[in-house]
Amino acid sequence: MTVLDRVPTEAQRRRSAYRRRQTVYSVLVAASSTAVLGTLLVVAVTGAPGWERVRQSFLDPAIARDALPAVVTGLWLNVRLLVCCAVGALLLGLVIAVLRTVRGPVFFPVRALAAGYTYTFRGLPLIIVLYLLTLGVPGLRLQGMPPVLVLGGLALVLTYGGYLAEVFRAGIESVHPSQLAAARSLGLTYRQTMRHVVLPQAVRRVAPPLLNDVVALQKDVGLVSLAGPIDAVRAAQIATAQSFNYTPYIVAGVLFVLLAIPLIAVTDWVTLRAARRQSGG
């Protein structure tokens, strides 16, 4: 290719200039519409008759500054609980999904138990599971009873394990049966086929919904405060009881949002990457 071949034609230059103008125009329109909508919302909220009272009760800077250290300390407990529960729920969901896809009449009881588990914990509200495990189980007074925090984490793992199991099962069943037959014809055992052929494809296909469930789990770890552990929500509740002001709850909510943003960004990136791979781009 010569240098002359690389010089764009007049039509190409006009198209490039038009696209640049359209891009600038779109950015300006988007920024303007966002600014107008934001201004209208601010005016509508701050112009409400009870705005001043709401601002004092929920948006007090001094109270927020005083409550921030305790809420941040409690948030560290939420982060550790999130990591442990996410790993536990993913592993449990994967095991249940594999058990539900095992074929053969001899494994019917296993499939029935796995299906019963998913039906039960997908139907039970999480708060009821938390109360049963954190308030009911300790009442048995068994030897070696784990702390309430561990029982609360177990409730989260059991509940989200049911949801994640169905996500994993959908991924496993999306793999065409011909691939299993081909793997078995090459001499692979069922275990080797699942490990090297089925599960890698299944996990890759369902990665976006798996991450979405982890984002939901990130919010629900705050419910463990109902059992007594001092996490971010419980620390905010204590600060609210001391100041008779709800601003600490807003502080906790903002911290949870900041904690979720990186995970949400990763989820969006994985979803976009999967969509491009599927479309061949």
Protein backbone atom coordinates (compact mmCIF):
# COMPACT_ATOMS: atom_id res chain seq x y z
CA MET A 1 0.00 0.00 0.00
CA THR A 2 1.46 3.37 -1.03
CA VAL A 3 1.26 6.68 0.79
CA LEU A 4 -1.30 7.94 -1.73
CA ASP A 5 -3.58 5.01 -0.92
CA ARG A 6 -3.63 6.04 2.73
CA VAL A 7 -4.77 9.60 2.08
CA PRO A 8 -8.53 9.81 2.84
CA THR A 9 -10.80 10.96 0.09
CA GLU A 10 -12.91 14.08 0.30
CA ALA A 11 -16.02 12.00 1.03
CA GLN A 12 -14.25 10.20 3.88
CA ARG A 13 -13.12 13.50 5.37
CA ARG A 14 -16.66 14.85 5.21
CA ARG A 15 -18.01 11.72 6.91
CA SER A 16 -15.41 11.95 9.67
CA ALA A 17 -16.16 15.62 10.25
CA TYR A 18 -19.91 14.90 10.33
CA ARG A 19 -19.43 12.11 12.87
CA ARG A 20 -17.32 14.36 15.09
CA ARG A 21 -19.99 17.07 14.95
CA GLN A 22 -22.69 14.53 15.79
CA THR A 23 -20.66 13.24 18.73
CA VAL A 24 -20.15 16.74 20.13
CA TYR A 25 -23.83 17.54 19.57
CA SER A 26 -24.93 14.37 21.37
CA VAL A 27 -22.67 15.10 24.34
CA LEU A 28 -23.98 18.66 24.61
CA VAL A 29 -27.60 17.54 24.41
CA ALA A 30 -27.04 14.84 27.04
CA ALA A 31 -25.27 17.25 29.38
CA SER A 32 -27.93 19.93 28.93
CA SER A 33 -30.85 17.57 29.51
CA THR A 34 -29.13 16.13 32.60
CA ALA A 35 -28.49 19.60 33.99
CA VAL A 36 -32.08 20.68 33.39
CA LEU A 37 -33.52 17.56 34.99
CA GLY A 38 -31.17 17.83 37.96
CA THR A 39 -32.08 21.48 38.48
CA LEU A 40 -35.79 20.69 38.38
CA LEU A 41 -35.35 17.90 40.94
CA VAL A 42 -33.32 20.12 43.27
CA VAL A 43 -35.85 22.94 43.02
CA ALA A 44 -38.77 20.54 43.61
CA VAL A 45 -37.17 18.95 46.68
CA THR A 46 -35.74 22.07 48.31
CA GLY A 47 -38.91 24.02 47.59
CA ALA A 48 -41.13 21.56 49.44
CA PRO A 49 -42.78 22.91 52.63
CA GLY A 50 -41.11 20.33 54.89
CA TRP A 51 -37.64 20.43 53.30
CA GLU A 52 -35.96 22.26 56.17
CA ARG A 53 -37.18 19.73 58.70
CA VAL A 54 -36.14 16.80 56.51
CA ARG A 55 -32.70 18.35 55.98
CA GLN A 56 -32.17 18.71 59.71
CA SER A 57 -33.33 15.14 60.41
CA PHE A 58 -31.49 13.32 57.59
CA LEU A 59 -28.71 15.58 56.28
CA ASP A 60 -27.01 17.12 59.29
CA PRO A 61 -23.28 17.51 58.46
CA ALA A 62 -22.16 17.67 62.08
CA ILE A 63 -23.92 14.46 63.05
CA ALA A 64 -22.66 12.75 59.90
CA ARG A 65 -19.09 13.69 60.80
CA ASP A 66 -19.49 12.35 64.33
CA ALA A 67 -21.08 9.07 63.21
CA LEU A 68 -18.71 8.37 60.32
CA PRO A 69 -15.89 6.61 62.28
CA ALA A 70 -18.23 4.13 63.97
CA VAL A 71 -20.13 3.41 60.74
CA VAL A 72 -16.88 2.86 58.81
CA THR A 73 -15.69 0.45 61.50
CA GLY A 74 -18.96 -1.45 61.21
CA LEU A 75 -18.68 -1.47 57.42
CA TRP A 76 -15.42 -3.42 57.68
CA LEU A 77 -17.44 -6.20 59.31
CA ASN A 78 -19.87 -6.08 56.36
CA VAL A 79 -16.99 -6.36 53.89
CA ARG A 80 -15.52 -9.42 55.60
CA LEU A 81 -18.95 -11.01 55.86
CA LEU A 82 -19.59 -10.29 52.17
CA VAL A 83 -16.39 -12.02 51.07
CA CYS A 84 -17.02 -15.12 53.18
CA CYS A 85 -20.70 -15.39 52.27
CA ALA A 86 -20.07 -14.81 48.55
CA VAL A 87 -17.48 -17.59 48.42
CA GLY A 88 -19.67 -19.93 50.45
CA ALA A 89 -22.82 -19.23 48.42
CA LEU A 90 -21.00 -19.70 45.10
CA LEU A 91 -19.52 -23.03 46.18
CA LEU A 92 -22.80 -24.25 47.64
CA GLY A 93 -24.75 -23.17 44.57
CA LEU A 94 -22.31 -24.94 42.26
CA VAL A 95 -22.54 -28.18 44.25
CA ILE A 96 -26.35 -28.08 44.31
CA ALA A 97 -26.48 -27.34 40.58
CA VAL A 98 -24.23 -30.31 39.79
CA LEU A 99 -26.35 -32.57 42.02
CA ARG A 100 -29.52 -31.46 40.24
CA THR A 101 -28.04 -32.34 36.85
CA VAL A 102 -26.81 -35.83 37.78
CA ARG A 103 -28.59 -38.37 35.57
CA GLY A 104 -29.78 -41.87 36.35
CA PRO A 105 -32.65 -43.27 38.42
CA VAL A 106 -30.33 -44.23 41.28
CA PHE A 107 -29.59 -40.53 41.87
CA PHE A 108 -33.25 -39.52 42.07
CA PRO A 109 -33.13 -38.98 45.88
CA VAL A 110 -30.13 -36.69 45.45
CA ARG A 111 -31.87 -34.68 42.76
CA ALA A 112 -35.02 -34.50 44.88
CA LEU A 113 -33.13 -33.21 47.92
CA ALA A 114 -31.29 -30.62 45.80
CA ALA A 115 -34.57 -29.48 44.21
CA GLY A 116 -36.24 -29.29 47.62
CA TYR A 117 -33.41 -27.14 48.91
CA THR A 118 -33.65 -24.67 46.03
CA TYR A 119 -37.46 -24.48 46.25
CA THR A 120 -37.37 -23.92 50.00
CA PHE A 121 -34.69 -21.26 50.27
CA ARG A 122 -35.77 -19.41 47.14
CA GLY A 123 -39.26 -19.15 48.63
CA LEU A 124 -38.34 -18.25 52.21
CA PRO A 125 -37.77 -14.54 52.91
CA LEU A 126 -34.20 -13.91 53.98
CA ILE A 127 -35.26 -12.15 57.17
CA ILE A 128 -37.15 -15.26 58.32
CA VAL A 129 -34.11 -17.46 57.68
CA LEU A 130 -32.01 -15.00 59.67
CA TYR A 131 -34.40 -15.07 62.60
CA LEU A 132 -34.60 -18.89 62.54
CA LEU A 133 -30.83 -19.36 62.56
CA THR A 134 -29.76 -16.46 64.78
CA LEU A 135 -32.60 -16.57 67.33
CA GLY A 136 -34.04 -20.07 67.07
CA VAL A 137 -30.94 -22.25 66.74
CA PRO A 138 -29.12 -20.75 69.78
CA GLY A 139 -32.22 -21.59 71.81
CA LEU A 140 -31.39 -25.27 71.41
CA ARG A 141 -28.36 -24.72 73.71
CA LEU A 142 -26.23 -27.22 71.88
CA GLN A 143 -22.56 -27.69 72.68
CA GLY A 144 -20.17 -25.82 70.41
CA MET A 145 -22.80 -23.38 69.16
CA PRO A 146 -21.14 -20.89 66.76
CA PRO A 147 -21.47 -17.13 67.32
CA VAL A 148 -24.50 -15.25 66.08
CA LEU A 149 -22.42 -13.62 63.34
CA VAL A 150 -21.54 -17.05 61.92
CA LEU A 151 -25.18 -18.12 62.05
CA GLY A 152 -26.21 -14.93 60.26
CA GLY A 153 -23.62 -15.57 57.57
CA LEU A 154 -24.90 -19.15 57.26
CA ALA A 155 -28.41 -17.80 56.67
CA LEU A 156 -27.10 -15.62 53.85
CA VAL A 157 -25.16 -18.53 52.33
CA LEU A 158 -28.15 -20.87 52.44
CA THR A 159 -30.52 -18.32 50.94
CA TYR A 160 -28.27 -17.09 48.15
CA GLY A 161 -26.99 -20.60 47.50
CA GLY A 162 -30.49 -21.48 46.30
CA TYR A 163 -30.53 -18.63 43.80
CA LEU A 164 -27.01 -19.24 42.58
CA ALA A 165 -27.70 -22.95 42.17
CA GLU A 166 -30.39 -22.20 39.60
CA VAL A 167 -28.06 -19.83 37.77
CA PHE A 168 -25.35 -22.48 37.63
CA ARG A 169 -27.87 -25.12 36.53
CA ALA A 170 -29.02 -22.91 33.67
CA GLY A 171 -25.41 -22.57 32.55
CA ILE A 172 -24.78 -26.30 32.77
CA GLU A 173 -27.90 -27.16 30.79
CA SER A 174 -27.01 -24.58 28.14
CA VAL A 175 -24.01 -26.70 27.08
CA HIS A 176 -25.08 -28.83 24.12
CA PRO A 177 -25.37 -32.57 24.88
CA SER A 178 -23.18 -33.35 21.87
CA GLN A 179 -20.20 -31.90 23.73
CA LEU A 180 -20.77 -34.29 26.62
CA ALA A 181 -21.07 -37.18 24.17
CA ALA A 182 -17.89 -36.14 22.40
CA ALA A 183 -16.00 -35.90 25.69
CA ARG A 184 -17.20 -39.32 26.80
CA SER A 185 -16.26 -40.80 23.43
CA LEU A 186 -12.72 -39.54 23.99
CA GLY A 187 -12.52 -41.58 27.17
CA LEU A 188 -13.23 -38.86 29.74
CA THR A 189 -15.16 -39.88 32.82
CA TYR A 190 -18.29 -38.00 33.90
CA ARG A 191 -16.27 -36.12 36.50
CA GLN A 192 -13.60 -35.15 33.98
CA THR A 193 -16.25 -34.11 31.46
CA MET A 194 -17.93 -31.82 33.97
CA ARG A 195 -14.62 -30.37 35.14
CA HIS A 196 -12.90 -29.78 31.80
CA VAL A 197 -15.77 -29.39 29.31
CA VAL A 198 -19.08 -28.41 30.90
CA LEU A 199 -18.33 -26.25 33.93
CA PRO A 200 -15.82 -23.88 32.25
CA GLN A 201 -18.39 -23.03 29.56
CA ALA A 202 -21.28 -22.88 32.03
CA VAL A 203 -19.53 -20.50 34.43
CA ARG A 204 -18.42 -18.22 31.59
CA ARG A 205 -21.95 -18.01 30.20
CA VAL A 206 -23.62 -17.18 33.50
CA ALA A 207 -20.93 -14.87 34.91
CA PRO A 208 -23.09 -11.70 34.56
CA PRO A 209 -26.10 -13.03 36.53
CA LEU A 210 -23.75 -14.52 39.12
CA LEU A 211 -22.16 -11.13 39.69
CA ASN A 212 -25.59 -9.51 39.88
CA ASP A 213 -26.51 -11.87 42.71
CA VAL A 214 -23.26 -10.99 44.48
CA VAL A 215 -24.21 -7.30 44.21
CA ALA A 216 -27.57 -8.12 45.81
CA LEU A 217 -25.75 -10.04 48.54
CA GLN A 218 -23.60 -6.99 49.20
CA LYS A 219 -26.74 -5.11 50.24
CA ASP A 220 -28.31 -7.92 52.24
CA VAL A 221 -25.29 -8.45 54.48
CA GLY A 222 -26.60 -5.38 56.32
CA LEU A 223 -29.57 -7.46 57.53
CA VAL A 224 -27.25 -9.37 59.86
CA SER A 225 -27.53 -6.35 62.17
CA LEU A 226 -30.99 -7.65 63.12
CA ALA A 227 -29.24 -10.41 65.08
CA GLY A 228 -27.09 -8.00 67.06
CA PRO A 229 -23.61 -7.75 65.48
CA ILE A 230 -22.41 -4.17 65.22
CA ASP A 231 -21.99 -3.65 61.50
CA ALA A 232 -22.52 -0.41 59.59
CA VAL A 233 -26.31 -0.52 59.93
CA ARG A 234 -26.22 -1.32 63.64
CA ALA A 235 -23.62 1.40 64.25
CA ALA A 236 -25.90 3.85 62.43
CA GLN A 237 -28.82 2.73 64.56
CA ILE A 238 -26.82 3.30 67.75
CA ALA A 239 -25.74 6.76 66.59
CA THR A 240 -29.35 7.58 65.67
CA ALA A 241 -30.55 6.55 69.13
CA GLN A 242 -27.95 8.81 70.71
CA SER A 243 -28.61 11.90 68.58
CA PHE A 244 -32.31 11.38 67.73
CA ASN A 245 -31.34 12.10 64.14
CA TYR A 246 -31.46 9.83 61.07
CA THR A 247 -28.36 11.20 59.38
CA PRO A 248 -26.19 8.18 60.39
CA TYR A 249 -28.45 5.96 58.29
CA ILE A 250 -27.74 8.18 55.28
CA VAL A 251 -24.02 7.86 56.01
CA ALA A 252 -24.33 4.07 56.08
CA GLY A 253 -26.33 4.09 52.85
CA VAL A 254 -23.74 6.22 51.06
CA LEU A 255 -20.95 3.90 52.19
CA PHE A 256 -22.85 0.87 50.92
CA VAL A 257 -23.31 2.57 47.55
CA LEU A 258 -19.60 3.39 47.35
CA LEU A 259 -18.82 -0.22 48.24
CA ALA A 260 -21.11 -1.48 45.47
CA ILE A 261 -19.85 0.79 42.67
CA PRO A 262 -16.67 -1.20 41.85
CA LEU A 263 -18.58 -4.50 41.85
CA ILE A 264 -21.33 -3.03 39.67
CA ALA A 265 -18.72 -1.68 37.25
CA VAL A 266 -17.10 -5.12 37.00
CA THR A 267 -20.54 -6.67 36.42
CA ASP A 268 -21.30 -4.23 33.60
CA TRP A 269 -17.90 -4.87 32.01
CA VAL A 270 -18.35 -8.64 32.15
CA THR A 271 -21.87 -8.33 30.71
CA LEU A 272 -20.68 -6.13 27.84
CA ARG A 273 -17.77 -8.47 27.13
CA ALA A 274 -20.08 -11.49 27.06
CA ALA A 275 -22.48 -9.69 24.71
CA ARG A 276 -19.64 -8.80 22.32
CA ARG A 277 -18.34 -12.36 22.39
CA GLN A 278 -21.81 -13.72 21.62
CA SER A 279 -22.30 -11.30 18.73
CA GLY A 280 -18.91 -12.17 17.32
CA GLY A 281 -17.46 -8.72 17.89
